[in-house]
């Protein structure tokens, strides 16, 4: 399942191998500000293959991701952002991306 190491893209590609709905793959590809991390990792062209939808469904997916920790813990939005920034090293692609995305994520969540 791991191909690029960028889980939104790898997840979307994996769903395609399962013949999942195209919409589901697109939602997974663009969850939680994936574009910010794709920019950091040089994967914007690969992500662009998946059209991003602006919808309440994507907002709900972002909300779920931004209020749930990696072990299923329930977090408020601010604590979740802090948790991500604490877990990833300063300068890493994820840390840099999340540092740029709080306003976007807060608006979506």
PDB file of N, CA and C in Angstrom:
ATOM      1  N   UNK A   1       0.819  -1.187   0.000  1.00  0.00           N
ATOM      2  CA  UNK A   1       0.000   0.000   0.000  1.00  0.00           C
ATOM      3  C   UNK A   1       0.867   1.258   0.000  1.00  0.00           C
ATOM      4  N   UNK A   2       2.027   1.209   0.611  1.00  0.00           N
ATOM      5  CA  UNK A   2       2.909   2.374   0.634  1.00  0.00           C
ATOM      6  C   UNK A   2       3.676   2.439  -0.690  1.00  0.00           C
ATOM      7  N   UNK A   3       3.535   3.578  -1.357  1.00  0.00           N
ATOM      8  CA  UNK A   3       4.221   3.772  -2.629  1.00  0.00           C
ATOM      9  C   UNK A   3       5.090   5.021  -2.536  1.00  0.00           C
ATOM     10  N   UNK A   4       4.471   6.161  -2.314  1.00  0.00           N
ATOM     11  CA  UNK A   4       5.210   7.420  -2.245  1.00  0.00           C
ATOM     12  C   UNK A   4       5.617   7.780  -0.818  1.00  0.00           C
ATOM     13  N   UNK A   5       4.946   7.193   0.174  1.00  0.00           N
ATOM     14  CA  UNK A   5       5.155   7.579   1.566  1.00  0.00           C
ATOM     15  C   UNK A   5       4.266   8.742   1.970  1.00  0.00           C
ATOM     16  N   UNK A   6       3.492   9.253   1.047  1.00  0.00           N
ATOM     17  CA  UNK A   6       2.544  10.344   1.294  1.00  0.00           C
ATOM     18  C   UNK A   6       1.172   9.692   1.414  1.00  0.00           C
ATOM     19  N   UNK A   7       0.689   9.533   2.643  1.00  0.00           N
ATOM     20  CA  UNK A   7      -0.464   8.659   2.862  1.00  0.00           C
ATOM     21  C   UNK A   7      -1.749   9.076   2.146  1.00  0.00           C
ATOM     22  N   UNK A   8      -2.043  10.368   1.940  1.00  0.00           N
ATOM     23  CA  UNK A   8      -3.256  10.671   1.164  1.00  0.00           C
ATOM     24  C   UNK A   8      -3.185  10.117  -0.265  1.00  0.00           C
ATOM     25  N   UNK A   9      -2.048  10.269  -0.893  1.00  0.00           N
ATOM     26  CA  UNK A   9      -1.878   9.769  -2.261  1.00  0.00           C
ATOM     27  C   UNK A   9      -1.820   8.245  -2.288  1.00  0.00           C
ATOM     28  N   UNK A  10      -1.057   7.665  -1.385  1.00  0.00           N
ATOM     29  CA  UNK A  10      -0.979   6.201  -1.327  1.00  0.00           C
ATOM     30  C   UNK A  10      -2.337   5.589  -1.026  1.00  0.00           C
ATOM     31  N   UNK A  11      -3.090   6.212  -0.133  1.00  0.00           N
ATOM     32  CA  UNK A  11      -4.425   5.710   0.195  1.00  0.00           C
ATOM     33  C   UNK A  11      -5.366   5.781  -0.989  1.00  0.00           C
ATOM     34  N   UNK A  12      -5.323   6.888  -1.715  1.00  0.00           N
ATOM     35  CA  UNK A  12      -6.181   7.039  -2.900  1.00  0.00           C
ATOM     36  C   UNK A  12      -5.822   6.001  -3.961  1.00  0.00           C
ATOM     37  N   UNK A  13      -4.546   5.808  -4.172  1.00  0.00           N
ATOM     38  CA  UNK A  13      -4.111   4.806  -5.166  1.00  0.00           C
ATOM     39  C   UNK A  13      -4.519   3.397  -4.741  1.00  0.00           C
ATOM     40  N   UNK A  14      -4.402   3.119  -3.466  1.00  0.00           N
ATOM     41  CA  UNK A  14      -4.807   1.804  -2.966  1.00  0.00           C
ATOM     42  C   UNK A  14      -6.308   1.591  -3.171  1.00  0.00           C
ATOM     43  N   UNK A  15      -7.098   2.599  -2.877  1.00  0.00           N
ATOM     44  CA  UNK A  15      -8.543   2.479  -3.091  1.00  0.00           C
ATOM     45  C   UNK A  15      -8.866   2.182  -4.551  1.00  0.00           C
ATOM     46  N   UNK A  16      -8.114   2.776  -5.454  1.00  0.00           N
ATOM     47  CA  UNK A  16      -8.330   2.493  -6.881  1.00  0.00           C
ATOM     48  C   UNK A  16      -8.082   1.026  -7.199  1.00  0.00           C
ATOM     49  N   UNK A  17      -7.104   0.406  -6.545  1.00  0.00           N
ATOM     50  CA  UNK A  17      -6.832  -1.013  -6.807  1.00  0.00           C
ATOM     51  C   UNK A  17      -7.978  -1.888  -6.309  1.00  0.00           C
ATOM     52  N   UNK A  18      -8.764  -1.359  -5.381  1.00  0.00           N
ATOM     53  CA  UNK A  18      -9.914  -2.094  -4.851  1.00  0.00           C
ATOM     54  C   UNK A  18     -11.191  -1.794  -5.623  1.00  0.00           C
ATOM     55  N   UNK A  19     -11.051  -1.012  -6.694  1.00  0.00           N
ATOM     56  CA  UNK A  19     -12.201  -0.566  -7.489  1.00  0.00           C
ATOM     57  C   UNK A  19     -13.205   0.211  -6.651  1.00  0.00           C
ATOM     58  N   UNK A  20     -12.685   0.976  -5.679  1.00  0.00           N
ATOM     59  CA  UNK A  20     -13.546   1.837  -4.865  1.00  0.00           C
ATOM     60  C   UNK A  20     -14.090   2.968  -5.730  1.00  0.00           C
ATOM     61  N   UNK A  21     -15.103   3.612  -5.246  1.00  0.00           N
ATOM     62  CA  UNK A  21     -15.655   4.748  -5.970  1.00  0.00           C
ATOM     63  C   UNK A  21     -14.583   5.810  -6.187  1.00  0.00           C
ATOM     64  N   UNK A  22     -14.577   6.403  -7.354  1.00  0.00           N
ATOM     65  CA  UNK A  22     -13.621   7.461  -7.673  1.00  0.00           C
ATOM     66  C   UNK A  22     -13.730   8.597  -6.671  1.00  0.00           C
ATOM     67  N   UNK A  23     -14.939   8.926  -6.282  1.00  0.00           N
ATOM     68  CA  UNK A  23     -15.138  10.012  -5.313  1.00  0.00           C
ATOM     69  C   UNK A  23     -14.427   9.716  -4.001  1.00  0.00           C
ATOM     70  N   UNK A  24     -14.485   8.489  -3.539  1.00  0.00           N
ATOM     71  CA  UNK A  24     -13.822   8.127  -2.294  1.00  0.00           C
ATOM     72  C   UNK A  24     -12.315   8.319  -2.412  1.00  0.00           C
ATOM     73  N   UNK A  25     -11.742   7.890  -3.507  1.00  0.00           N
ATOM     74  CA  UNK A  25     -10.305   8.066  -3.719  1.00  0.00           C
ATOM     75  C   UNK A  25      -9.940   9.548  -3.727  1.00  0.00           C
ATOM     76  N   UNK A  26     -10.770  10.360  -4.359  1.00  0.00           N
ATOM     77  CA  UNK A  26     -10.517  11.803  -4.404  1.00  0.00           C
ATOM     78  C   UNK A  26     -10.595  12.425  -3.016  1.00  0.00           C
ATOM     79  N   UNK A  27     -11.577  12.024  -2.246  1.00  0.00           N
ATOM     80  CA  UNK A  27     -11.713  12.550  -0.878  1.00  0.00           C
ATOM     81  C   UNK A  27     -10.498  12.186  -0.034  1.00  0.00           C
ATOM     82  N   UNK A  28     -10.074  10.952  -0.116  1.00  0.00           N
ATOM     83  CA  UNK A  28      -8.897  10.510   0.642  1.00  0.00           C
ATOM     84  C   UNK A  28      -7.662  11.282   0.184  1.00  0.00           C
ATOM     85  N   UNK A  29      -7.520  11.461  -1.113  1.00  0.00           N
ATOM     86  CA  UNK A  29      -6.354  12.161  -1.645  1.00  0.00           C
ATOM     87  C   UNK A  29      -6.246  13.584  -1.115  1.00  0.00           C
ATOM     88  N   UNK A  30      -7.382  14.219  -0.872  1.00  0.00           N
ATOM     89  CA  UNK A  30      -7.374  15.640  -0.502  1.00  0.00           C
ATOM     90  C   UNK A  30      -7.760  15.908   0.945  1.00  0.00           C
ATOM     91  N   UNK A  31      -7.759  14.878   1.773  1.00  0.00           N
ATOM     92  CA  UNK A  31      -8.166  15.142   3.157  1.00  0.00           C
ATOM     93  C   UNK A  31      -7.113  15.941   3.910  1.00  0.00           C
ATOM     94  N   UNK A  32      -7.588  16.755   4.814  1.00  0.00           N
ATOM     95  CA  UNK A  32      -6.770  17.463   5.800  1.00  0.00           C
ATOM     96  C   UNK A  32      -5.607  18.252   5.213  1.00  0.00           C
ATOM     97  N   UNK A  33      -5.909  19.009   4.176  1.00  0.00           N
ATOM     98  CA  UNK A  33      -4.895  19.892   3.610  1.00  0.00           C
ATOM     99  C   UNK A  33      -3.747  19.175   2.941  1.00  0.00           C
ATOM    100  N   UNK A  34      -4.047  18.064   2.311  1.00  0.00           N
ATOM    101  CA  UNK A  34      -3.002  17.267   1.666  1.00  0.00           C
ATOM    102  C   UNK A  34      -2.165  18.084   0.693  1.00  0.00           C
ATOM    103  N   UNK A  35      -2.756  19.087   0.092  1.00  0.00           N
ATOM    104  CA  UNK A  35      -2.018  19.899  -0.878  1.00  0.00           C
ATOM    105  C   UNK A  35      -0.802  20.562  -0.242  1.00  0.00           C
ATOM    106  N   UNK A  36      -0.905  20.935   1.026  1.00  0.00           N
ATOM    107  CA  UNK A  36       0.234  21.565   1.709  1.00  0.00           C
ATOM    108  C   UNK A  36       1.410  20.600   1.829  1.00  0.00           C
ATOM    109  N   UNK A  37       1.114  19.370   2.190  1.00  0.00           N
ATOM    110  CA  UNK A  37       2.176  18.375   2.312  1.00  0.00           C
ATOM    111  C   UNK A  37       2.697  17.951   0.936  1.00  0.00           C
ATOM    112  N   UNK A  38       1.800  17.874  -0.043  1.00  0.00           N
ATOM    113  CA  UNK A  38       2.225  17.526  -1.401  1.00  0.00           C
ATOM    114  C   UNK A  38       3.220  18.555  -1.924  1.00  0.00           C
ATOM    115  N   UNK A  39       2.986  19.827  -1.618  1.00  0.00           N
ATOM    116  CA  UNK A  39       3.920  20.878  -2.024  1.00  0.00           C
ATOM    117  C   UNK A  39       5.287  20.655  -1.395  1.00  0.00           C
ATOM    118  N   UNK A  40       5.305  20.282  -0.123  1.00  0.00           N
ATOM    119  CA  UNK A  40       6.571  20.052   0.572  1.00  0.00           C
ATOM    120  C   UNK A  40       7.330  18.863  -0.011  1.00  0.00           C
ATOM    121  N   UNK A  41       6.604  17.839  -0.428  1.00  0.00           N
ATOM    122  CA  UNK A  41       7.236  16.618  -0.926  1.00  0.00           C
ATOM    123  C   UNK A  41       7.400  16.543  -2.430  1.00  0.00           C
ATOM    124  N   UNK A  42       7.035  17.626  -3.133  1.00  0.00           N
ATOM    125  CA  UNK A  42       7.161  17.621  -4.585  1.00  0.00           C
ATOM    126  C   UNK A  42       6.184  16.684  -5.269  1.00  0.00           C
ATOM    127  N   UNK A  43       4.996  16.526  -4.679  1.00  0.00           N
ATOM    128  CA  UNK A  43       4.010  15.587  -5.225  1.00  0.00           C
ATOM    129  C   UNK A  43       2.726  16.276  -5.699  1.00  0.00           C
ATOM    130  N   UNK A  44       2.798  17.566  -5.992  1.00  0.00           N
ATOM    131  CA  UNK A  44       1.582  18.272  -6.411  1.00  0.00           C
ATOM    132  C   UNK A  44       1.027  17.741  -7.731  1.00  0.00           C
ATOM    133  N   UNK A  45       1.878  17.380  -8.656  1.00  0.00           N
ATOM    134  CA  UNK A  45       1.398  16.852  -9.941  1.00  0.00           C
ATOM    135  C   UNK A  45       0.684  15.520  -9.732  1.00  0.00           C
ATOM    136  N   UNK A  46       1.241  14.669  -8.879  1.00  0.00           N
ATOM    137  CA  UNK A  46       0.615  13.377  -8.595  1.00  0.00           C
ATOM    138  C   UNK A  46      -0.731  13.559  -7.889  1.00  0.00           C
ATOM    139  N   UNK A  47      -0.796  14.517  -6.969  1.00  0.00           N
ATOM    140  CA  UNK A  47      -2.051  14.780  -6.260  1.00  0.00           C
ATOM    141  C   UNK A  47      -3.097  15.388  -7.197  1.00  0.00           C
ATOM    142  N   UNK A  48      -2.647  16.201  -8.137  1.00  0.00           N
ATOM    143  CA  UNK A  48      -3.566  16.874  -9.059  1.00  0.00           C
ATOM    144  C   UNK A  48      -4.356  15.907  -9.931  1.00  0.00           C
ATOM    145  N   UNK A  49      -3.907  14.669 -10.028  1.00  0.00           N
ATOM    146  CA  UNK A  49      -4.650  13.653 -10.773  1.00  0.00           C
ATOM    147  C   UNK A  49      -6.034  13.464 -10.148  1.00  0.00           C
ATOM    148  N   UNK A  50      -6.126  13.718  -8.863  1.00  0.00           N
ATOM    149  CA  UNK A  50      -7.379  13.550  -8.119  1.00  0.00           C
ATOM    150  C   UNK A  50      -8.039  14.909  -7.943  1.00  0.00           C
ATOM    151  N   UNK A  51      -9.162  15.091  -8.617  1.00  0.00           N
ATOM    152  CA  UNK A  51      -9.878  16.355  -8.517  1.00  0.00           C
ATOM    153  C   UNK A  51     -10.348  16.571  -7.078  1.00  0.00           C
ATOM    154  N   UNK A  52     -10.131  17.786  -6.575  1.00  0.00           N
ATOM    155  CA  UNK A  52     -10.551  18.121  -5.214  1.00  0.00           C
ATOM    156  C   UNK A  52     -11.976  18.640  -5.254  1.00  0.00           C
ATOM    157  N   UNK A  53     -12.814  18.096  -4.405  1.00  0.00           N
ATOM    158  CA  UNK A  53     -14.180  18.600  -4.319  1.00  0.00           C
ATOM    159  C   UNK A  53     -14.314  19.457  -3.070  1.00  0.00           C
ATOM    160  N   UNK A  54     -14.982  20.573  -3.216  1.00  0.00           N
ATOM    161  CA  UNK A  54     -15.326  21.402  -2.064  1.00  0.00           C
ATOM    162  C   UNK A  54     -16.751  21.033  -1.696  1.00  0.00           C
ATOM    163  N   UNK A  55     -16.896  20.316  -0.580  1.00  0.00           N
ATOM    164  CA  UNK A  55     -18.224  19.851  -0.205  1.00  0.00           C
ATOM    165  C   UNK A  55     -18.293  19.617   1.294  1.00  0.00           C
ATOM    166  N   UNK A  56     -19.509  19.512   1.814  1.00  0.00           N
ATOM    167  CA  UNK A  56     -19.668  19.168   3.230  1.00  0.00           C
ATOM    168  C   UNK A  56     -19.076  17.794   3.565  1.00  0.00           C
ATOM    169  N   UNK A  57     -19.004  16.900   2.592  1.00  0.00           N
ATOM    170  CA  UNK A  57     -18.432  15.571   2.837  1.00  0.00           C
ATOM    171  C   UNK A  57     -16.931  15.692   3.094  1.00  0.00           C
ATOM    172  N   UNK A  58     -16.223  16.479   2.272  1.00  0.00           N
ATOM    173  CA  UNK A  58     -14.795  16.684   2.509  1.00  0.00           C
ATOM    174  C   UNK A  58     -14.585  17.406   3.838  1.00  0.00           C
ATOM    175  N   UNK A  59     -15.424  18.388   4.122  1.00  0.00           N
ATOM    176  CA  UNK A  59     -15.324  19.092   5.410  1.00  0.00           C
ATOM    177  C   UNK A  59     -15.492  18.120   6.574  1.00  0.00           C
ATOM    178  N   UNK A  60     -16.436  17.202   6.459  1.00  0.00           N
ATOM    179  CA  UNK A  60     -16.666  16.215   7.527  1.00  0.00           C
ATOM    180  C   UNK A  60     -15.466  15.290   7.695  1.00  0.00           C
ATOM    181  N   UNK A  61     -14.851  14.899   6.590  1.00  0.00           N
ATOM    182  CA  UNK A  61     -13.655  14.053   6.654  1.00  0.00           C
ATOM    183  C   UNK A  61     -12.509  14.798   7.332  1.00  0.00           C
ATOM    184  N   UNK A  62     -12.328  16.061   6.973  1.00  0.00           N
ATOM    185  CA  UNK A  62     -11.284  16.868   7.598  1.00  0.00           C
ATOM    186  C   UNK A  62     -11.573  17.032   9.087  1.00  0.00           C
ATOM    187  N   UNK A  63     -12.829  17.306   9.421  1.00  0.00           N
ATOM    188  CA  UNK A  63     -13.206  17.439  10.835  1.00  0.00           C
ATOM    189  C   UNK A  63     -12.880  16.153  11.603  1.00  0.00           C
ATOM    190  N   UNK A  64     -13.236  15.019  11.041  1.00  0.00           N
ATOM    191  CA  UNK A  64     -12.974  13.745  11.719  1.00  0.00           C
ATOM    192  C   UNK A  64     -11.474  13.539  11.920  1.00  0.00           C
ATOM    193  N   UNK A  65     -10.686  13.842  10.901  1.00  0.00           N
ATOM    194  CA  UNK A  65      -9.238  13.667  11.007  1.00  0.00           C
ATOM    195  C   UNK A  65      -8.627  14.666  11.985  1.00  0.00           C
ATOM    196  N   UNK A  66      -9.149  15.874  12.008  1.00  0.00           N
ATOM    197  CA  UNK A  66      -8.577  16.929  12.845  1.00  0.00           C
ATOM    198  C   UNK A  66      -9.100  16.909  14.281  1.00  0.00           C
ATOM    199  N   UNK A  67      -9.911  15.917  14.615  1.00  0.00           N
ATOM    200  CA  UNK A  67     -10.380  15.767  15.997  1.00  0.00           C
ATOM    201  C   UNK A  67     -10.127  14.358  16.535  1.00  0.00           C
ATOM    202  N   UNK A  68      -9.323  13.595  15.802  1.00  0.00           N
ATOM    203  CA  UNK A  68      -9.002  12.225  16.201  1.00  0.00           C
ATOM    204  C   UNK A  68      -7.496  12.024  16.125  1.00  0.00           C
ATOM    205  N   UNK A  69      -6.922  11.506  17.207  1.00  0.00           N
ATOM    206  CA  UNK A  69      -5.483  11.266  17.248  1.00  0.00           C
ATOM    207  C   UNK A  69      -5.095   9.978  16.556  1.00  0.00           C
ATOM    208  N   UNK A  70      -3.800   9.726  16.457  1.00  0.00           N
ATOM    209  CA  UNK A  70      -3.309   8.555  15.737  1.00  0.00           C
ATOM    210  C   UNK A  70      -3.698   7.224  16.372  1.00  0.00           C
ATOM    211  N   UNK A  71      -4.060   7.236  17.642  1.00  0.00           N
ATOM    212  CA  UNK A  71      -4.494   6.000  18.308  1.00  0.00           C
ATOM    213  C   UNK A  71      -5.993   6.031  18.600  1.00  0.00           C
ATOM    214  N   UNK A  72      -6.710   6.914  17.899  1.00  0.00           N
ATOM    215  CA  UNK A  72      -8.153   7.000  18.066  1.00  0.00           C
ATOM    216  C   UNK A  72      -8.601   7.922  19.188  1.00  0.00           C
ATOM    217  N   UNK A  73      -7.675   8.659  19.785  1.00  0.00           N
ATOM    218  CA  UNK A  73      -8.039   9.580  20.852  1.00  0.00           C
ATOM    219  C   UNK A  73      -8.930  10.699  20.313  1.00  0.00           C
ATOM    220  N   UNK A  74      -9.763  11.211  21.182  1.00  0.00           N
ATOM    221  CA  UNK A  74     -10.612  12.344  20.828  1.00  0.00           C
ATOM    222  C   UNK A  74      -9.900  13.632  21.235  1.00  0.00           C
ATOM    223  N   UNK A  75      -9.666  14.514  20.278  1.00  0.00           N
ATOM    224  CA  UNK A  75      -9.002  15.791  20.520  1.00  0.00           C
ATOM    225  C   UNK A  75      -9.866  16.925  20.019  1.00  0.00           C
ATOM    226  N   UNK A  76      -9.725  18.106  20.634  1.00  0.00           N
ATOM    227  CA  UNK A  76     -10.290  19.273  19.979  1.00  0.00           C
ATOM    228  C   UNK A  76      -9.300  19.689  18.894  1.00  0.00           C
ATOM    229  N   UNK A  77      -9.723  20.570  18.027  1.00  0.00           N
ATOM    230  CA  UNK A  77      -8.914  20.931  16.865  1.00  0.00           C
ATOM    231  C   UNK A  77      -7.521  21.435  17.259  1.00  0.00           C
ATOM    232  N   UNK A  78      -7.464  22.368  18.193  1.00  0.00           N
ATOM    233  CA  UNK A  78      -6.174  22.936  18.587  1.00  0.00           C
ATOM    234  C   UNK A  78      -5.222  21.901  19.145  1.00  0.00           C
ATOM    235  N   UNK A  79      -5.740  21.002  19.971  1.00  0.00           N
ATOM    236  CA  UNK A  79      -4.891  19.944  20.539  1.00  0.00           C
ATOM    237  C   UNK A  79      -4.393  19.007  19.446  1.00  0.00           C
ATOM    238  N   UNK A  80      -5.218  18.738  18.451  1.00  0.00           N
ATOM    239  CA  UNK A  80      -4.804  17.857  17.351  1.00  0.00           C
ATOM    240  C   UNK A  80      -3.661  18.491  16.556  1.00  0.00           C
ATOM    241  N   UNK A  81      -3.773  19.770  16.266  1.00  0.00           N
ATOM    242  CA  UNK A  81      -2.689  20.457  15.562  1.00  0.00           C
ATOM    243  C   UNK A  81      -1.416  20.378  16.397  1.00  0.00           C
ATOM    244  N   UNK A  82      -1.530  20.665  17.692  1.00  0.00           N
ATOM    245  CA  UNK A  82      -0.364  20.578  18.583  1.00  0.00           C
ATOM    246  C   UNK A  82       0.230  19.176  18.582  1.00  0.00           C
ATOM    247  N   UNK A  83      -0.632  18.164  18.630  1.00  0.00           N
ATOM    248  CA  UNK A  83      -0.167  16.771  18.648  1.00  0.00           C
ATOM    249  C   UNK A  83       0.648  16.452  17.397  1.00  0.00           C
ATOM    250  N   UNK A  84       0.176  16.886  16.245  1.00  0.00           N
ATOM    251  CA  UNK A  84       0.891  16.636  14.994  1.00  0.00           C
ATOM    252  C   UNK A  84       2.245  17.342  15.009  1.00  0.00           C
ATOM    253  N   UNK A  85       2.249  18.599  15.440  1.00  0.00           N
ATOM    254  CA  UNK A  85       3.490  19.368  15.461  1.00  0.00           C
ATOM    255  C   UNK A  85       4.494  18.803  16.460  1.00  0.00           C
ATOM    256  N   UNK A  86       3.993  18.211  17.546  1.00  0.00           N
ATOM    257  CA  UNK A  86       4.879  17.575  18.524  1.00  0.00           C
ATOM    258  C   UNK A  86       5.433  16.246  17.999  1.00  0.00           C
ATOM    259  N   UNK A  87       4.615  15.522  17.251  1.00  0.00           N
ATOM    260  CA  UNK A  87       4.997  14.188  16.784  1.00  0.00           C
ATOM    261  C   UNK A  87       6.009  14.231  15.641  1.00  0.00           C
ATOM    262  N   UNK A  88       5.908  15.250  14.806  1.00  0.00           N
ATOM    263  CA  UNK A  88       6.808  15.361  13.655  1.00  0.00           C
ATOM    264  C   UNK A  88       7.891  16.387  13.919  1.00  0.00           C
ATOM    265  N   UNK A  89       9.082  16.051  13.514  1.00  0.00           N
ATOM    266  CA  UNK A  89      10.254  16.891  13.724  1.00  0.00           C
ATOM    267  C   UNK A  89      10.137  18.212  12.961  1.00  0.00           C
ATOM    268  N   UNK A  90      10.571  19.285  13.600  1.00  0.00           N
ATOM    269  CA  UNK A  90      10.626  20.580  12.934  1.00  0.00           C
ATOM    270  C   UNK A  90      11.455  20.423  11.662  1.00  0.00           C
ATOM    271  N   UNK A  91      10.944  20.947  10.562  1.00  0.00           N
ATOM    272  CA  UNK A  91      11.630  20.832   9.280  1.00  0.00           C
ATOM    273  C   UNK A  91      11.156  19.663   8.434  1.00  0.00           C
ATOM    274  N   UNK A  92      10.434  18.708   9.057  1.00  0.00           N
ATOM    275  CA  UNK A  92       9.900  17.600   8.266  1.00  0.00           C
ATOM    276  C   UNK A  92       8.769  18.111   7.375  1.00  0.00           C
ATOM    277  N   UNK A  93       8.464  17.346   6.344  1.00  0.00           N
ATOM    278  CA  UNK A  93       7.400  17.752   5.415  1.00  0.00           C
ATOM    279  C   UNK A  93       6.069  17.936   6.128  1.00  0.00           C
ATOM    280  N   UNK A  94       5.736  17.010   7.029  1.00  0.00           N
ATOM    281  CA  UNK A  94       4.447  17.092   7.726  1.00  0.00           C
ATOM    282  C   UNK A  94       4.426  18.302   8.654  1.00  0.00           C
ATOM    283  N   UNK A  95       5.472  18.506   9.428  1.00  0.00           N
ATOM    284  CA  UNK A  95       5.519  19.642  10.358  1.00  0.00           C
ATOM    285  C   UNK A  95       5.397  20.955   9.597  1.00  0.00           C
ATOM    286  N   UNK A  96       6.139  21.087   8.507  1.00  0.00           N
ATOM    287  CA  UNK A  96       6.096  22.310   7.713  1.00  0.00           C
ATOM    288  C   UNK A  96       4.714  22.518   7.105  1.00  0.00           C
ATOM    289  N   UNK A  97       4.141  21.469   6.577  1.00  0.00           N
ATOM    290  CA  UNK A  97       2.814  21.571   5.950  1.00  0.00           C
ATOM    291  C   UNK A  97       1.751  21.960   6.972  1.00  0.00           C
ATOM    292  N   UNK A  98       1.735  21.292   8.114  1.00  0.00           N
ATOM    293  CA  UNK A  98       0.729  21.593   9.141  1.00  0.00           C
ATOM    294  C   UNK A  98       0.935  22.995   9.702  1.00  0.00           C
ATOM    295  N   UNK A  99       2.163  23.439   9.770  1.00  0.00           N
ATOM    296  CA  UNK A  99       2.447  24.796  10.237  1.00  0.00           C
ATOM    297  C   UNK A  99       1.850  25.847   9.305  1.00  0.00           C
ATOM    298  N   UNK A 100       1.717  25.511   8.032  1.00  0.00           N
ATOM    299  CA  UNK A 100       1.160  26.430   7.043  1.00  0.00           C
ATOM    300  C   UNK A 100      -0.357  26.322   6.917  1.00  0.00           C
ATOM    301  N   UNK A 101      -0.931  25.247   7.419  1.00  0.00           N
ATOM    302  CA  UNK A 101      -2.327  24.927   7.111  1.00  0.00           C
ATOM    303  C   UNK A 101      -3.374  25.199   8.198  1.00  0.00           C
ATOM    304  N   UNK A 102      -3.036  25.643   9.410  1.00  0.00           N
ATOM    305  CA  UNK A 102      -4.065  25.734  10.453  1.00  0.00           C
ATOM    306  C   UNK A 102      -5.291  26.563  10.075  1.00  0.00           C
ATOM    307  N   UNK A 103      -5.110  27.695   9.425  1.00  0.00           N
ATOM    308  CA  UNK A 103      -6.269  28.530   9.057  1.00  0.00           C
ATOM    309  C   UNK A 103      -7.184  27.799   8.093  1.00  0.00           C
ATOM    310  N   UNK A 104      -6.564  27.167   7.085  1.00  0.00           N
ATOM    311  CA  UNK A 104      -7.349  26.387   6.116  1.00  0.00           C
ATOM    312  C   UNK A 104      -8.085  25.257   6.817  1.00  0.00           C
ATOM    313  N   UNK A 105      -7.365  24.492   7.637  1.00  0.00           N
ATOM    314  CA  UNK A 105      -7.972  23.347   8.314  1.00  0.00           C
ATOM    315  C   UNK A 105      -9.069  23.781   9.277  1.00  0.00           C
ATOM    316  N   UNK A 106      -8.841  24.851  10.005  1.00  0.00           N
ATOM    317  CA  UNK A 106      -9.851  25.342  10.942  1.00  0.00           C
ATOM    318  C   UNK A 106     -11.121  25.739  10.197  1.00  0.00           C
ATOM    319  N   UNK A 107     -10.958  26.392   9.056  1.00  0.00           N
ATOM    320  CA  UNK A 107     -12.129  26.797   8.257  1.00  0.00           C
ATOM    321  C   UNK A 107     -12.890  25.579   7.734  1.00  0.00           C
ATOM    322  N   UNK A 108     -12.152  24.539   7.340  1.00  0.00           N
ATOM    323  CA  UNK A 108     -12.796  23.341   6.822  1.00  0.00           C
ATOM    324  C   UNK A 108     -13.443  22.529   7.940  1.00  0.00           C
ATOM    325  N   UNK A 109     -12.762  22.459   9.067  1.00  0.00           N
ATOM    326  CA  UNK A 109     -13.280  21.659  10.186  1.00  0.00           C
ATOM    327  C   UNK A 109     -14.367  22.402  10.914  1.00  0.00           C
TER     328      UNK A 109
END
